[in-house]
Amino acid sequence: MYQHLFVPVDGSELSHRAMEGSIALAKQLGARITGFVVEPEMALSETSHNAQLFAQHMQQHEASNEAHAAKLLARFEQQASQAGVPFQGVHRTAGGIDNAIIDEADKAGCDMIVMVTHGRGPVGEFLFGSHTKKVIARSKLPVFVLH
């Protein structure tokens, strides 16, 4: 049976559904949760030619990412704790969100990934992509999809 769920969240409305759904699932299974926030790396800008300015922007970007992840994971942990579900939060900055999800789930020793999807349909997926679909295609772990 599944004992360790990996749940990526980003702070959107879908994240709230992922939190609630994964906590309910973990409670039914007697599983624990690793919540995960992956923040995008800072894009190179016109300031990249000025090393000092670039370093300042990089520090601001990292501080903003850390604050966002800490707040989101603290909320997730509080909800899990109230439900009696063991929780651990992990944060990472990465260029490829899908690969970061798969890599961190493996590193954490999880046996299932729980994700939500917008359910945009083929046109929406073409325009906006689907992290869930990419994770399903690449992951060796089962992916439980909430809609």
Protein backbone atom coordinates (compact mmCIF):
# COMPACT_ATOMS: atom_id res chain seq x y z
CA MET A 1 0.00 0.00 0.00
CA TYR A 2 1.07 3.60 -0.42
CA GLN A 3 2.78 5.07 2.63
CA HIS A 4 4.49 8.26 1.43
CA LEU A 5 2.74 10.77 -0.83
CA PHE A 6 4.59 13.52 -2.71
CA VAL A 7 2.43 16.59 -3.30
CA PRO A 8 3.71 19.53 -5.38
CA VAL A 9 1.93 22.84 -4.70
CA ASP A 10 2.34 26.37 -6.02
CA GLY A 11 -0.14 28.51 -4.10
CA SER A 12 -2.88 28.54 -6.73
CA GLU A 13 -6.49 27.50 -6.16
CA LEU A 14 -5.47 24.08 -7.48
CA SER A 15 -2.89 23.84 -4.72
CA HIS A 16 -5.59 24.15 -2.11
CA ARG A 17 -7.42 21.24 -3.73
CA ALA A 18 -4.17 19.27 -3.81
CA MET A 19 -3.62 19.92 -0.12
CA GLU A 20 -7.12 18.94 0.90
CA GLY A 21 -7.30 15.91 -1.40
CA SER A 22 -3.87 14.57 -0.50
CA ILE A 23 -4.50 14.98 3.23
CA ALA A 24 -7.78 13.07 2.93
CA LEU A 25 -6.05 10.35 0.90
CA ALA A 26 -3.10 10.13 3.32
CA LYS A 27 -5.49 9.84 6.23
CA GLN A 28 -7.33 6.94 4.55
CA LEU A 29 -4.08 5.18 3.69
CA GLY A 30 -2.26 5.92 6.95
CA ALA A 31 0.40 7.63 4.84
CA ARG A 32 2.64 10.63 5.37
CA ILE A 33 3.06 13.58 3.00
CA THR A 34 6.03 15.41 1.59
CA GLY A 35 4.81 18.77 0.32
CA PHE A 36 6.92 20.32 -2.42
CA VAL A 37 7.27 23.83 -3.78
CA VAL A 38 9.42 24.32 -6.86
CA GLU A 39 10.17 27.89 -7.83
CA PRO A 40 11.41 28.82 -11.30
CA GLU A 41 14.96 29.99 -11.69
CA MET A 42 15.42 33.67 -12.35
CA ALA A 43 15.31 34.45 -16.05
CA LEU A 44 18.28 36.23 -17.50
CA SER A 45 17.44 39.85 -18.19
CA GLU A 46 19.04 42.90 -19.65
CA THR A 47 20.75 43.41 -16.27
CA SER A 48 22.76 40.21 -16.72
CA HIS A 49 25.66 42.18 -18.23
CA ASN A 50 26.06 44.08 -14.94
CA ALA A 51 27.33 41.51 -12.43
CA GLN A 52 26.53 43.56 -9.32
CA LEU A 53 22.99 44.37 -10.44
CA PHE A 54 22.45 40.76 -11.48
CA ALA A 55 23.63 39.53 -8.07
CA GLN A 56 21.20 41.92 -6.34
CA HIS A 57 18.30 40.71 -8.47
CA MET A 58 19.28 37.10 -7.85
CA GLN A 59 19.30 37.65 -4.07
CA GLN A 60 15.90 39.35 -4.22
CA HIS A 61 14.50 36.53 -6.36
CA GLU A 62 15.81 33.86 -3.99
CA ALA A 63 14.50 35.69 -0.91
CA SER A 64 11.08 36.05 -2.52
CA ASN A 65 11.05 32.35 -3.47
CA GLU A 66 12.06 31.30 0.06
CA ALA A 67 9.34 33.44 1.65
CA HIS A 68 6.66 32.16 -0.73
CA ALA A 69 7.66 28.51 -0.23
CA ALA A 70 7.89 28.84 3.57
CA LYS A 71 4.43 30.41 3.80
CA LEU A 72 2.83 27.84 1.51
CA LEU A 73 4.46 24.84 3.17
CA ALA A 74 3.59 26.15 6.65
CA ARG A 75 -0.08 26.33 5.64
CA PHE A 76 0.08 22.81 4.19
CA GLU A 77 1.80 21.51 7.33
CA GLN A 78 -0.83 23.13 9.57
CA GLN A 79 -3.67 21.48 7.63
CA ALA A 80 -1.94 18.09 7.67
CA SER A 81 -1.19 18.40 11.38
CA GLN A 82 -4.82 19.22 12.17
CA ALA A 83 -5.81 16.04 10.32
CA GLY A 84 -3.17 13.97 12.14
CA VAL A 85 -1.13 13.36 8.97
CA PRO A 86 2.68 13.43 9.26
CA PHE A 87 4.15 16.13 7.00
CA GLN A 88 7.49 17.31 5.74
CA GLY A 89 8.01 20.30 3.44
CA VAL A 90 10.67 20.66 0.75
CA HIS A 91 11.52 23.65 -1.43
CA ARG A 92 13.73 23.84 -4.51
CA THR A 93 14.51 26.32 -7.26
CA ALA A 94 14.82 24.67 -10.65
CA GLY A 95 14.67 25.35 -14.36
CA GLY A 96 12.50 22.36 -15.20
CA ILE A 97 9.45 22.04 -12.95
CA ASP A 98 8.46 18.57 -14.18
CA ASN A 99 11.92 17.11 -13.71
CA ALA A 100 12.25 18.74 -10.29
CA ILE A 101 8.99 17.09 -9.18
CA ILE A 102 10.12 13.66 -10.36
CA ASP A 103 13.65 14.02 -8.93
CA GLU A 104 12.51 15.24 -5.52
CA ALA A 105 9.82 12.55 -5.22
CA ASP A 106 12.49 9.92 -5.85
CA LYS A 107 14.94 11.59 -3.47
CA ALA A 108 12.31 11.74 -0.70
CA GLY A 109 11.56 8.03 -1.10
CA CYS A 110 7.90 8.61 -1.94
CA ASP A 111 5.77 5.86 -3.45
CA MET A 112 3.08 8.05 -5.08
CA ILE A 113 2.83 11.55 -6.53
CA VAL A 114 -0.45 13.41 -6.01
CA MET A 115 -1.17 16.28 -8.41
CA VAL A 116 -4.11 18.33 -9.58
CA THR A 117 -4.95 19.34 -13.12
CA HIS A 118 -6.80 22.29 -14.60
CA GLY A 119 -8.65 20.01 -16.98
CA ARG A 120 -8.22 22.57 -19.75
CA GLY A 121 -8.63 20.08 -22.58
CA PRO A 122 -6.44 19.67 -25.67
CA VAL A 123 -6.40 23.35 -26.70
CA GLY A 124 -5.56 24.55 -23.20
CA GLU A 125 -2.80 21.95 -22.88
CA PHE A 126 -1.38 23.04 -26.23
CA LEU A 127 -1.34 26.70 -25.19
CA PHE A 128 -0.31 26.35 -21.55
CA GLY A 129 1.18 22.87 -21.27
CA SER A 130 0.47 20.40 -18.53
CA HIS A 131 2.97 19.67 -15.77
CA THR A 132 0.74 16.83 -14.60
CA LYS A 133 0.73 15.20 -18.02
CA LYS A 134 4.52 15.51 -18.30
CA VAL A 135 5.05 14.03 -14.83
CA ILE A 136 2.74 11.11 -15.67
CA ALA A 137 4.70 10.47 -18.87
CA ARG A 138 8.15 10.60 -17.23
CA SER A 139 7.72 9.34 -13.67
CA LYS A 140 8.29 5.75 -12.61
CA LEU A 141 6.02 6.38 -9.60
CA PRO A 142 2.24 6.18 -9.86
CA VAL A 143 0.59 9.59 -10.17
CA PHE A 144 -2.79 10.13 -8.53
CA VAL A 145 -4.53 12.98 -10.35
CA LEU A 146 -7.17 15.15 -8.70
CA HIS A 147 -9.43 17.26 -10.88
